[in-house]
């Protein structure tokens, strides 16, 4: 089974825990996982038929549906904004108005960290491009741009954040608490796949539910898995990244797509003009597999 992740990062620790613990295999799935390079690319792999499932910004499925295309969301992988503002020069920021005059680096629009940053700045009354600047770089290179002095702050995810801290930077803004419940990453699939092979969809969603529970119940195992997935990083950096992920409850605690998580994502994308909001929650989110998974695992 071909599975696409937007980028290889520790926000998806539940995926990696499921793979290393043999949970997907136990449920009859031979996972072939590849990183697509961004949210747009991961959903494109599903649309193009090269992947059965994709995880990334679930807005991509919403956009597809609004344009008359396919796309369903059958689970949550990340339940809060898994981004942190990281800087070598700034002190802790609690009020977004204090971003005035700063240059911030994110992935390119419409990746989630760009969208979250833009809405936050504009909600604080700041004009992007005038009061503050957003430098857009390739996903995963935000920290490098900040460390090179191209920006005052990088909006990045783990393990890049812990790696930056290890290099003398510090976390100066916490997006997970600023945004609240948020479907940062969803499991996306085509309706035709659900119709053709509902057993495969159920097996995948059940595996994610079990893996998400294991991620939180066995943090030492999660750290062990993370070290294997990111062998080039110092072990202490990886451990710190996982500790932060679990402390801020960023990975999904359940695969069920909660209504408040979805509404927060859609409200942001509607505000940014990326969607029209014409496809309601009930028509694009199919929680039936997730609810069966919860029931089967007790």
C-alpha atoms as a PDB file:
ATOM      1  CA  UNK A   1       0.000   0.000   0.000  1.00  0.00           C
ATOM      2  CA  UNK A   2       1.471   3.343  -1.082  1.00  0.00           C
ATOM      3  CA  UNK A   3       1.328   6.091   1.544  1.00  0.00           C
ATOM      4  CA  UNK A   4       2.485   9.694   1.119  1.00  0.00           C
ATOM      5  CA  UNK A   5       3.541  12.032   3.929  1.00  0.00           C
ATOM      6  CA  UNK A   6       3.877  15.757   3.200  1.00  0.00           C
ATOM      7  CA  UNK A   7       7.355  15.944   4.730  1.00  0.00           C
ATOM      8  CA  UNK A   8       9.320  13.671   7.043  1.00  0.00           C
ATOM      9  CA  UNK A   9       8.903  15.270  10.470  1.00  0.00           C
ATOM     10  CA  UNK A  10       8.206  14.326  14.063  1.00  0.00           C
ATOM     11  CA  UNK A  11       4.670  15.684  14.005  1.00  0.00           C
ATOM     12  CA  UNK A  12       3.949  12.354  12.334  1.00  0.00           C
ATOM     13  CA  UNK A  13       5.441  10.343  15.196  1.00  0.00           C
ATOM     14  CA  UNK A  14       2.248   8.278  15.452  1.00  0.00           C
ATOM     15  CA  UNK A  15       2.840   7.053  11.877  1.00  0.00           C
ATOM     16  CA  UNK A  16       6.392   6.036  12.701  1.00  0.00           C
ATOM     17  CA  UNK A  17       5.393   4.414  15.999  1.00  0.00           C
ATOM     18  CA  UNK A  18       2.797   2.382  14.120  1.00  0.00           C
ATOM     19  CA  UNK A  19       5.372   1.238  11.595  1.00  0.00           C
ATOM     20  CA  UNK A  20       8.121   0.325  14.079  1.00  0.00           C
ATOM     21  CA  UNK A  21       5.672  -1.387  16.457  1.00  0.00           C
ATOM     22  CA  UNK A  22       4.342  -3.520  13.600  1.00  0.00           C
ATOM     23  CA  UNK A  23       0.808  -2.171  14.044  1.00  0.00           C
ATOM     24  CA  UNK A  24       0.127  -1.576  10.346  1.00  0.00           C
ATOM     25  CA  UNK A  25       1.601  -4.962   9.477  1.00  0.00           C
ATOM     26  CA  UNK A  26      -0.517  -6.644  12.168  1.00  0.00           C
ATOM     27  CA  UNK A  27      -3.589  -5.145  10.515  1.00  0.00           C
ATOM     28  CA  UNK A  28      -2.596  -6.529   7.115  1.00  0.00           C
ATOM     29  CA  UNK A  29      -0.941  -3.458   5.601  1.00  0.00           C
ATOM     30  CA  UNK A  30       2.458  -3.427   3.907  1.00  0.00           C
ATOM     31  CA  UNK A  31       3.280   0.287   4.117  1.00  0.00           C
ATOM     32  CA  UNK A  32       5.407   1.929   1.435  1.00  0.00           C
ATOM     33  CA  UNK A  33       5.871   5.458   2.797  1.00  0.00           C
ATOM     34  CA  UNK A  34       7.401   8.334   0.818  1.00  0.00           C
ATOM     35  CA  UNK A  35       7.769  12.052   1.567  1.00  0.00           C
ATOM     36  CA  UNK A  36       6.195  14.240  -1.101  1.00  0.00           C
ATOM     37  CA  UNK A  37       7.827  17.573  -0.249  1.00  0.00           C
ATOM     38  CA  UNK A  38       4.795  19.577   0.866  1.00  0.00           C
ATOM     39  CA  UNK A  39       1.035  19.618   1.411  1.00  0.00           C
ATOM     40  CA  UNK A  40       0.116  20.270  -2.223  1.00  0.00           C
ATOM     41  CA  UNK A  41       2.389  17.510  -3.489  1.00  0.00           C
ATOM     42  CA  UNK A  42       1.173  14.861  -1.020  1.00  0.00           C
ATOM     43  CA  UNK A  43      -2.482  15.248  -2.029  1.00  0.00           C
ATOM     44  CA  UNK A  44      -1.487  15.419  -5.697  1.00  0.00           C
ATOM     45  CA  UNK A  45       0.000  11.929  -5.298  1.00  0.00           C
ATOM     46  CA  UNK A  46      -3.437  10.661  -4.228  1.00  0.00           C
ATOM     47  CA  UNK A  47      -5.205  12.481  -7.056  1.00  0.00           C
ATOM     48  CA  UNK A  48      -2.694  11.073  -9.523  1.00  0.00           C
ATOM     49  CA  UNK A  49      -3.070   7.536  -8.231  1.00  0.00           C
ATOM     50  CA  UNK A  50       0.520   6.999  -7.107  1.00  0.00           C
ATOM     51  CA  UNK A  51      -0.558   6.928  -3.425  1.00  0.00           C
ATOM     52  CA  UNK A  52      -3.567   5.294  -1.768  1.00  0.00           C
ATOM     53  CA  UNK A  53      -3.491   7.721   1.172  1.00  0.00           C
ATOM     54  CA  UNK A  54      -1.833  11.025   1.998  1.00  0.00           C
ATOM     55  CA  UNK A  55      -1.239  12.901   5.219  1.00  0.00           C
ATOM     56  CA  UNK A  56      -0.855  16.662   5.146  1.00  0.00           C
ATOM     57  CA  UNK A  57      -2.980  19.797   5.281  1.00  0.00           C
ATOM     58  CA  UNK A  58      -6.540  18.509   4.839  1.00  0.00           C
ATOM     59  CA  UNK A  59      -7.453  21.819   3.201  1.00  0.00           C
ATOM     60  CA  UNK A  60      -6.162  20.231  -0.005  1.00  0.00           C
ATOM     61  CA  UNK A  61      -9.109  17.822  -0.010  1.00  0.00           C
ATOM     62  CA  UNK A  62     -11.489  20.722   0.651  1.00  0.00           C
ATOM     63  CA  UNK A  63     -10.067  22.711  -2.271  1.00  0.00           C
ATOM     64  CA  UNK A  64     -10.360  19.678  -4.543  1.00  0.00           C
ATOM     65  CA  UNK A  65     -13.981  19.122  -3.591  1.00  0.00           C
ATOM     66  CA  UNK A  66     -14.892  22.769  -4.095  1.00  0.00           C
ATOM     67  CA  UNK A  67     -13.431  22.558  -7.593  1.00  0.00           C
ATOM     68  CA  UNK A  68     -15.548  19.508  -8.386  1.00  0.00           C
ATOM     69  CA  UNK A  69     -12.818  16.957  -7.701  1.00  0.00           C
ATOM     70  CA  UNK A  70     -12.593  14.074  -5.225  1.00  0.00           C
ATOM     71  CA  UNK A  71     -11.263  13.864  -1.674  1.00  0.00           C
ATOM     72  CA  UNK A  72     -12.305  12.694   1.790  1.00  0.00           C
ATOM     73  CA  UNK A  73     -10.731  13.067   5.217  1.00  0.00           C
ATOM     74  CA  UNK A  74     -10.928   9.924   7.362  1.00  0.00           C
ATOM     75  CA  UNK A  75      -8.735  10.807  10.325  1.00  0.00           C
ATOM     76  CA  UNK A  76      -6.553  13.269  12.213  1.00  0.00           C
ATOM     77  CA  UNK A  77      -2.789  12.777  12.586  1.00  0.00           C
ATOM     78  CA  UNK A  78      -1.908  16.127  14.219  1.00  0.00           C
ATOM     79  CA  UNK A  79      -4.532  17.782  16.430  1.00  0.00           C
ATOM     80  CA  UNK A  80      -2.870  21.124  17.178  1.00  0.00           C
ATOM     81  CA  UNK A  81      -0.709  23.556  15.228  1.00  0.00           C
ATOM     82  CA  UNK A  82       2.667  21.851  15.524  1.00  0.00           C
ATOM     83  CA  UNK A  83       4.693  24.964  14.865  1.00  0.00           C
ATOM     84  CA  UNK A  84       6.915  26.969  17.130  1.00  0.00           C
ATOM     85  CA  UNK A  85       8.512  30.362  16.591  1.00  0.00           C
ATOM     86  CA  UNK A  86      12.271  29.905  16.986  1.00  0.00           C
ATOM     87  CA  UNK A  87      14.888  32.651  17.167  1.00  0.00           C
ATOM     88  CA  UNK A  88      18.500  33.335  18.125  1.00  0.00           C
ATOM     89  CA  UNK A  89      17.893  37.036  18.785  1.00  0.00           C
ATOM     90  CA  UNK A  90      14.354  37.513  20.119  1.00  0.00           C
ATOM     91  CA  UNK A  91      12.896  37.132  23.603  1.00  0.00           C
ATOM     92  CA  UNK A  92       9.621  35.329  24.374  1.00  0.00           C
ATOM     93  CA  UNK A  93       6.641  36.810  22.503  1.00  0.00           C
ATOM     94  CA  UNK A  94       3.108  36.432  23.865  1.00  0.00           C
ATOM     95  CA  UNK A  95       1.304  39.176  21.891  1.00  0.00           C
ATOM     96  CA  UNK A  96       1.323  38.800  18.083  1.00  0.00           C
ATOM     97  CA  UNK A  97       1.378  42.622  17.802  1.00  0.00           C
ATOM     98  CA  UNK A  98       5.017  42.348  18.871  1.00  0.00           C
ATOM     99  CA  UNK A  99       5.856  40.737  15.527  1.00  0.00           C
ATOM    100  CA  UNK A 100       5.843  44.253  14.032  1.00  0.00           C
ATOM    101  CA  UNK A 101       9.084  45.001  12.249  1.00  0.00           C
ATOM    102  CA  UNK A 102      10.196  41.390  12.146  1.00  0.00           C
ATOM    103  CA  UNK A 103      10.975  39.097   9.233  1.00  0.00           C
ATOM    104  CA  UNK A 104       9.509  35.615   9.684  1.00  0.00           C
ATOM    105  CA  UNK A 105      10.436  32.574   7.608  1.00  0.00           C
ATOM    106  CA  UNK A 106       7.905  29.847   6.723  1.00  0.00           C
ATOM    107  CA  UNK A 107       7.232  27.245   4.057  1.00  0.00           C
ATOM    108  CA  UNK A 108       5.591  28.605   0.878  1.00  0.00           C
ATOM    109  CA  UNK A 109       1.908  29.473   0.662  1.00  0.00           C
ATOM    110  CA  UNK A 110      -0.432  27.525   1.051  1.00  0.00           C
ATOM    111  CA  UNK A 111       1.548  25.296   3.482  1.00  0.00           C
ATOM    112  CA  UNK A 112       0.057  25.337   6.962  1.00  0.00           C
ATOM    113  CA  UNK A 113       2.791  27.235   8.769  1.00  0.00           C
ATOM    114  CA  UNK A 114       2.506  30.094   6.245  1.00  0.00           C
ATOM    115  CA  UNK A 115      -1.285  30.146   6.582  1.00  0.00           C
ATOM    116  CA  UNK A 116      -1.218  30.125  10.384  1.00  0.00           C
ATOM    117  CA  UNK A 117       1.397  32.905  10.459  1.00  0.00           C
ATOM    118  CA  UNK A 118      -0.382  35.127   7.960  1.00  0.00           C
ATOM    119  CA  UNK A 119      -3.717  34.922   9.721  1.00  0.00           C
ATOM    120  CA  UNK A 120      -2.128  35.568  13.115  1.00  0.00           C
ATOM    121  CA  UNK A 121      -0.318  38.665  11.853  1.00  0.00           C
ATOM    122  CA  UNK A 122      -3.340  40.109  10.077  1.00  0.00           C
ATOM    123  CA  UNK A 123      -5.618  39.392  13.041  1.00  0.00           C
ATOM    124  CA  UNK A 124      -3.141  41.395  15.158  1.00  0.00           C
ATOM    125  CA  UNK A 125      -3.604  44.324  12.758  1.00  0.00           C
ATOM    126  CA  UNK A 126      -0.266  43.928  10.998  1.00  0.00           C
ATOM    127  CA  UNK A 127       0.080  44.242   7.221  1.00  0.00           C
ATOM    128  CA  UNK A 128       2.182  41.473   5.756  1.00  0.00           C
ATOM    129  CA  UNK A 129       4.837  42.974   3.506  1.00  0.00           C
ATOM    130  CA  UNK A 130       4.697  46.334   5.254  1.00  0.00           C
ATOM    131  CA  UNK A 131       4.557  46.003   9.050  1.00  0.00           C
ATOM    132  CA  UNK A 132       6.159  42.570   8.966  1.00  0.00           C
ATOM    133  CA  UNK A 133       7.607  40.297   6.301  1.00  0.00           C
ATOM    134  CA  UNK A 134       7.189  36.592   5.589  1.00  0.00           C
ATOM    135  CA  UNK A 135      10.105  34.949   3.817  1.00  0.00           C
ATOM    136  CA  UNK A 136       8.965  31.744   2.078  1.00  0.00           C
ATOM    137  CA  UNK A 137      11.486  28.899   1.717  1.00  0.00           C
ATOM    138  CA  UNK A 138      11.363  25.194   0.882  1.00  0.00           C
ATOM    139  CA  UNK A 139       9.647  23.099   3.590  1.00  0.00           C
ATOM    140  CA  UNK A 140      12.186  21.929   6.147  1.00  0.00           C
ATOM    141  CA  UNK A 141      14.714  24.723   5.494  1.00  0.00           C
ATOM    142  CA  UNK A 142      13.092  27.389   7.695  1.00  0.00           C
ATOM    143  CA  UNK A 143      15.552  26.942  10.568  1.00  0.00           C
ATOM    144  CA  UNK A 144      18.591  27.184   8.276  1.00  0.00           C
ATOM    145  CA  UNK A 145      17.339  30.472   6.852  1.00  0.00           C
ATOM    146  CA  UNK A 146      16.864  31.904  10.347  1.00  0.00           C
ATOM    147  CA  UNK A 147      20.269  30.690  11.556  1.00  0.00           C
ATOM    148  CA  UNK A 148      21.842  32.266   8.457  1.00  0.00           C
ATOM    149  CA  UNK A 149      20.403  35.636   9.477  1.00  0.00           C
ATOM    150  CA  UNK A 150      17.803  35.920   6.708  1.00  0.00           C
ATOM    151  CA  UNK A 151      14.969  36.238   9.240  1.00  0.00           C
ATOM    152  CA  UNK A 152      14.411  37.138  12.881  1.00  0.00           C
ATOM    153  CA  UNK A 153      12.291  34.071  13.539  1.00  0.00           C
ATOM    154  CA  UNK A 154      11.546  30.739  11.880  1.00  0.00           C
ATOM    155  CA  UNK A 155       8.179  29.032  12.149  1.00  0.00           C
ATOM    156  CA  UNK A 156       9.134  25.378  12.125  1.00  0.00           C
ATOM    157  CA  UNK A 157       8.222  21.937  13.406  1.00  0.00           C
ATOM    158  CA  UNK A 158      10.022  19.126  15.179  1.00  0.00           C
ATOM    159  CA  UNK A 159      12.744  17.940  15.058  1.00  0.00           C
ATOM    160  CA  UNK A 160      13.981  21.151  13.407  1.00  0.00           C
ATOM    161  CA  UNK A 161      12.931  23.141  16.478  1.00  0.00           C
ATOM    162  CA  UNK A 162      14.897  20.993  18.931  1.00  0.00           C
ATOM    163  CA  UNK A 163      17.863  21.017  16.548  1.00  0.00           C
ATOM    164  CA  UNK A 164      17.788  24.832  16.465  1.00  0.00           C
ATOM    165  CA  UNK A 165      17.623  24.971  20.264  1.00  0.00           C
ATOM    166  CA  UNK A 166      20.654  22.693  20.355  1.00  0.00           C
ATOM    167  CA  UNK A 167      22.430  25.273  18.176  1.00  0.00           C
ATOM    168  CA  UNK A 168      21.732  28.158  20.526  1.00  0.00           C
ATOM    169  CA  UNK A 169      18.278  29.278  19.404  1.00  0.00           C
ATOM    170  CA  UNK A 170      15.200  29.261  21.640  1.00  0.00           C
ATOM    171  CA  UNK A 171      11.456  28.859  21.301  1.00  0.00           C
ATOM    172  CA  UNK A 172       9.899  32.323  21.489  1.00  0.00           C
ATOM    173  CA  UNK A 173       6.300  31.640  20.388  1.00  0.00           C
ATOM    174  CA  UNK A 174       3.980  28.637  20.878  1.00  0.00           C
ATOM    175  CA  UNK A 175       1.440  28.225  18.093  1.00  0.00           C
ATOM    176  CA  UNK A 176      -0.205  25.115  19.567  1.00  0.00           C
ATOM    177  CA  UNK A 177      -1.756  27.087  22.417  1.00  0.00           C
ATOM    178  CA  UNK A 178      -2.320  30.230  20.349  1.00  0.00           C
ATOM    179  CA  UNK A 179      -4.401  28.351  17.757  1.00  0.00           C
ATOM    180  CA  UNK A 180      -6.023  25.719  20.019  1.00  0.00           C
ATOM    181  CA  UNK A 181      -7.685  22.536  18.651  1.00  0.00           C
ATOM    182  CA  UNK A 182      -6.704  22.345  14.998  1.00  0.00           C
ATOM    183  CA  UNK A 183      -6.756  19.673  12.299  1.00  0.00           C
ATOM    184  CA  UNK A 184      -3.171  20.458  11.316  1.00  0.00           C
ATOM    185  CA  UNK A 185      -2.791  17.152   9.457  1.00  0.00           C
ATOM    186  CA  UNK A 186      -5.473  14.834   8.153  1.00  0.00           C
ATOM    187  CA  UNK A 187      -5.580  11.445   6.442  1.00  0.00           C
ATOM    188  CA  UNK A 188      -6.826  12.030   2.891  1.00  0.00           C
ATOM    189  CA  UNK A 189      -8.169   9.430   0.490  1.00  0.00           C
ATOM    190  CA  UNK A 190     -10.336   9.259  -2.636  1.00  0.00           C
ATOM    191  CA  UNK A 191     -13.983   8.228  -2.442  1.00  0.00           C
ATOM    192  CA  UNK A 192     -13.243   5.618  -5.104  1.00  0.00           C
ATOM    193  CA  UNK A 193     -10.667   4.002  -2.782  1.00  0.00           C
ATOM    194  CA  UNK A 194     -13.200   3.889   0.064  1.00  0.00           C
ATOM    195  CA  UNK A 195     -15.741   2.246  -2.236  1.00  0.00           C
ATOM    196  CA  UNK A 196     -13.236  -0.178  -3.763  1.00  0.00           C
ATOM    197  CA  UNK A 197     -11.488  -1.289  -0.580  1.00  0.00           C
ATOM    198  CA  UNK A 198     -13.205  -0.220   2.653  1.00  0.00           C
ATOM    199  CA  UNK A 199     -11.337  -2.963   4.524  1.00  0.00           C
ATOM    200  CA  UNK A 200      -8.006  -1.332   3.664  1.00  0.00           C
ATOM    201  CA  UNK A 201      -9.273   2.066   4.803  1.00  0.00           C
ATOM    202  CA  UNK A 202     -10.509   0.550   8.060  1.00  0.00           C
ATOM    203  CA  UNK A 203      -7.198  -1.219   8.630  1.00  0.00           C
ATOM    204  CA  UNK A 204      -5.271   2.013   8.106  1.00  0.00           C
ATOM    205  CA  UNK A 205      -7.488   4.111  10.374  1.00  0.00           C
ATOM    206  CA  UNK A 206      -7.541   1.446  13.089  1.00  0.00           C
ATOM    207  CA  UNK A 207      -3.754   1.274  12.905  1.00  0.00           C
ATOM    208  CA  UNK A 208      -3.486   5.024  13.383  1.00  0.00           C
ATOM    209  CA  UNK A 209      -5.801   4.914  16.395  1.00  0.00           C
ATOM    210  CA  UNK A 210      -3.710   2.197  18.004  1.00  0.00           C
ATOM    211  CA  UNK A 211      -0.443   3.936  17.089  1.00  0.00           C
ATOM    212  CA  UNK A 212      -1.634   7.264  18.479  1.00  0.00           C
ATOM    213  CA  UNK A 213      -2.469   5.627  21.805  1.00  0.00           C
ATOM    214  CA  UNK A 214       0.924   3.880  21.917  1.00  0.00           C
ATOM    215  CA  UNK A 215       2.694   7.177  21.164  1.00  0.00           C
ATOM    216  CA  UNK A 216       1.321   8.742  24.351  1.00  0.00           C
ATOM    217  CA  UNK A 217       1.306   5.662  26.588  1.00  0.00           C
ATOM    218  CA  UNK A 218       4.919   4.715  25.853  1.00  0.00           C
ATOM    219  CA  UNK A 219       6.979   7.904  25.383  1.00  0.00           C
ATOM    220  CA  UNK A 220      10.258   6.021  25.753  1.00  0.00           C
ATOM    221  CA  UNK A 221       9.329   3.855  22.756  1.00  0.00           C
ATOM    222  CA  UNK A 222       8.277   6.981  20.830  1.00  0.00           C
ATOM    223  CA  UNK A 223      11.711   8.482  21.464  1.00  0.00           C
ATOM    224  CA  UNK A 224      13.410   5.240  20.410  1.00  0.00           C
ATOM    225  CA  UNK A 225      11.414   5.247  17.156  1.00  0.00           C
ATOM    226  CA  UNK A 226      12.156   8.920  16.538  1.00  0.00           C
ATOM    227  CA  UNK A 227      15.884   8.317  16.914  1.00  0.00           C
ATOM    228  CA  UNK A 228      15.674   5.594  14.253  1.00  0.00           C
ATOM    229  CA  UNK A 229      13.709   7.845  11.902  1.00  0.00           C
ATOM    230  CA  UNK A 230      16.149  10.741  12.335  1.00  0.00           C
ATOM    231  CA  UNK A 231      19.530   9.004  12.801  1.00  0.00           C
ATOM    232  CA  UNK A 232      21.516  12.054  11.702  1.00  0.00           C
ATOM    233  CA  UNK A 233      20.332  14.103  14.686  1.00  0.00           C
ATOM    234  CA  UNK A 234      21.814  13.837  18.181  1.00  0.00           C
ATOM    235  CA  UNK A 235      19.713  11.556  20.371  1.00  0.00           C
ATOM    236  CA  UNK A 236      19.187  14.237  23.007  1.00  0.00           C
ATOM    237  CA  UNK A 237      17.763  16.568  20.362  1.00  0.00           C
ATOM    238  CA  UNK A 238      15.300  13.925  19.175  1.00  0.00           C
ATOM    239  CA  UNK A 239      14.264  13.099  22.747  1.00  0.00           C
ATOM    240  CA  UNK A 240      13.643  16.788  23.473  1.00  0.00           C
ATOM    241  CA  UNK A 241      11.564  17.088  20.315  1.00  0.00           C
ATOM    242  CA  UNK A 242       9.322  14.162  21.265  1.00  0.00           C
ATOM    243  CA  UNK A 243       8.988  15.406  24.841  1.00  0.00           C
ATOM    244  CA  UNK A 244       7.773  18.759  23.494  1.00  0.00           C
ATOM    245  CA  UNK A 245       5.394  17.103  21.014  1.00  0.00           C
ATOM    246  CA  UNK A 246       3.742  15.096  23.794  1.00  0.00           C
ATOM    247  CA  UNK A 247       3.763  17.937  26.336  1.00  0.00           C
ATOM    248  CA  UNK A 248       1.889  20.229  23.962  1.00  0.00           C
ATOM    249  CA  UNK A 249      -0.371  17.345  22.824  1.00  0.00           C
ATOM    250  CA  UNK A 250       0.446  17.940  19.181  1.00  0.00           C
ATOM    251  CA  UNK A 251       0.118  14.398  17.754  1.00  0.00           C
ATOM    252  CA  UNK A 252      -3.517  13.258  17.615  1.00  0.00           C
ATOM    253  CA  UNK A 253      -4.626  11.452  20.764  1.00  0.00           C
ATOM    254  CA  UNK A 254      -7.382   9.834  18.691  1.00  0.00           C
ATOM    255  CA  UNK A 255      -7.769   9.479  14.937  1.00  0.00           C
ATOM    256  CA  UNK A 256     -11.355  10.832  15.107  1.00  0.00           C
ATOM    257  CA  UNK A 257     -11.605  14.250  13.404  1.00  0.00           C
ATOM    258  CA  UNK A 258     -13.093  16.478  16.107  1.00  0.00           C
ATOM    259  CA  UNK A 259     -15.512  19.157  14.936  1.00  0.00           C
ATOM    260  CA  UNK A 260     -13.686  22.012  16.686  1.00  0.00           C
ATOM    261  CA  UNK A 261     -10.373  20.953  15.092  1.00  0.00           C
ATOM    262  CA  UNK A 262     -11.951  20.993  11.641  1.00  0.00           C
ATOM    263  CA  UNK A 263     -13.820  24.259  12.160  1.00  0.00           C
ATOM    264  CA  UNK A 264     -10.618  26.022  13.257  1.00  0.00           C
ATOM    265  CA  UNK A 265      -8.817  24.830  10.128  1.00  0.00           C
ATOM    266  CA  UNK A 266     -11.671  25.842   7.837  1.00  0.00           C
ATOM    267  CA  UNK A 267     -12.149  29.224   9.529  1.00  0.00           C
ATOM    268  CA  UNK A 268      -8.487  30.020   8.949  1.00  0.00           C
ATOM    269  CA  UNK A 269      -8.518  28.934   5.308  1.00  0.00           C
ATOM    270  CA  UNK A 270     -11.756  30.815   4.662  1.00  0.00           C
ATOM    271  CA  UNK A 271     -10.236  33.940   6.182  1.00  0.00           C
ATOM    272  CA  UNK A 272      -7.174  33.573   3.958  1.00  0.00           C
ATOM    273  CA  UNK A 273      -9.317  33.098   0.869  1.00  0.00           C
ATOM    274  CA  UNK A 274      -7.929  29.641   0.128  1.00  0.00           C
ATOM    275  CA  UNK A 275     -11.396  28.046   0.253  1.00  0.00           C
ATOM    276  CA  UNK A 276     -15.000  29.111  -0.224  1.00  0.00           C
ATOM    277  CA  UNK A 277     -16.404  26.994   2.585  1.00  0.00           C
ATOM    278  CA  UNK A 278     -19.034  25.388   0.380  1.00  0.00           C
ATOM    279  CA  UNK A 279     -18.390  21.755   1.386  1.00  0.00           C
ATOM    280  CA  UNK A 280     -19.673  21.146   4.937  1.00  0.00           C
ATOM    281  CA  UNK A 281     -17.927  19.016   7.555  1.00  0.00           C
ATOM    282  CA  UNK A 282     -20.444  16.183   7.180  1.00  0.00           C
ATOM    283  CA  UNK A 283     -19.742  15.866   3.446  1.00  0.00           C
ATOM    284  CA  UNK A 284     -15.948  15.768   3.550  1.00  0.00           C
ATOM    285  CA  UNK A 285     -15.089  14.220   6.938  1.00  0.00           C
ATOM    286  CA  UNK A 286     -15.937  10.511   7.217  1.00  0.00           C
ATOM    287  CA  UNK A 287     -15.445   9.520  10.852  1.00  0.00           C
ATOM    288  CA  UNK A 288     -17.147   6.137  10.463  1.00  0.00           C
ATOM    289  CA  UNK A 289     -13.819   4.277  10.189  1.00  0.00           C
ATOM    290  CA  UNK A 290     -12.342   6.183  13.137  1.00  0.00           C
ATOM    291  CA  UNK A 291     -15.385   5.523  15.317  1.00  0.00           C
ATOM    292  CA  UNK A 292     -15.192   1.796  14.509  1.00  0.00           C
ATOM    293  CA  UNK A 293     -11.497   1.873  15.378  1.00  0.00           C
ATOM    294  CA  UNK A 294     -12.186   3.452  18.761  1.00  0.00           C
ATOM    295  CA  UNK A 295     -14.942   0.930  19.461  1.00  0.00           C
ATOM    296  CA  UNK A 296     -12.787  -2.045  18.456  1.00  0.00           C
ATOM    297  CA  UNK A 297      -9.863  -0.974  20.645  1.00  0.00           C
ATOM    298  CA  UNK A 298     -12.027  -0.142  23.647  1.00  0.00           C
END
